[in-house]
Amino acid sequence: HSQMIRTLRDEVERYGPYSLAVESQYDHPMLWGSKRTGPDLARVGEKYSDDWQVRHLVDPRALVPESIMPHYAFLLDAQLETDSLPDRLWALRMVGVPYTDDMIENAAGDAVGQARPDSDGVNGVVERYGQQTAVRTFDGRSDMVTEMDALVAYLQILGRLTDLPQQIQPQPEE
């Protein structure tokens, strides 16, 4: 997959407005490129339901028969490890990702809070990450926060961190 819609006319017509650097400000390394093994993910956020995303990750060919994507069913049983998140965010900040001290300090609680709206960690998630940040149980499991929650939350935010793409319209050729 690529997470970049290039400025090429056929890509803009197929996928919508071209990608802007601000949309990938939290991605490191940047996942921009020209290799297209699967569909472009730049604007996949909220295009499909959480349930669809989970079912697709568990058994891609059940939803897209021609898919060559591997299965990721194991993510449903993999508890999300949050203890190291502050250190990871701090390291990412050292290479230019714009995490604030508040984001780093609250990283573990925010990860749990984003995937468990009834938890104590929910307070401040939207305040720190913006209104586009979804707060809900992504994988349908309420007993633990899983790697599947994290991946679906990530997929659901792609293309939603800025409203700039919606403001950019392709210019007609003269």
Foldseek 3Di string as FASTA:
>chain_A
DAQWQDPDPVSCVVPNFTDDPVLCLQDPPHRHDDDPPDDHLQAQAPVDALQVLLVCQQPVCVPVVVDPDDHDPVQVVAFDDQPCQLVVVVVSVVVRRPQDPVCSVLVSLLLQQQQAVVDPSVPCNCVRQHPQQHRYNRNPDNPGHTSSSVVSSVSNCRNPSDCVRVVDHDDDDD
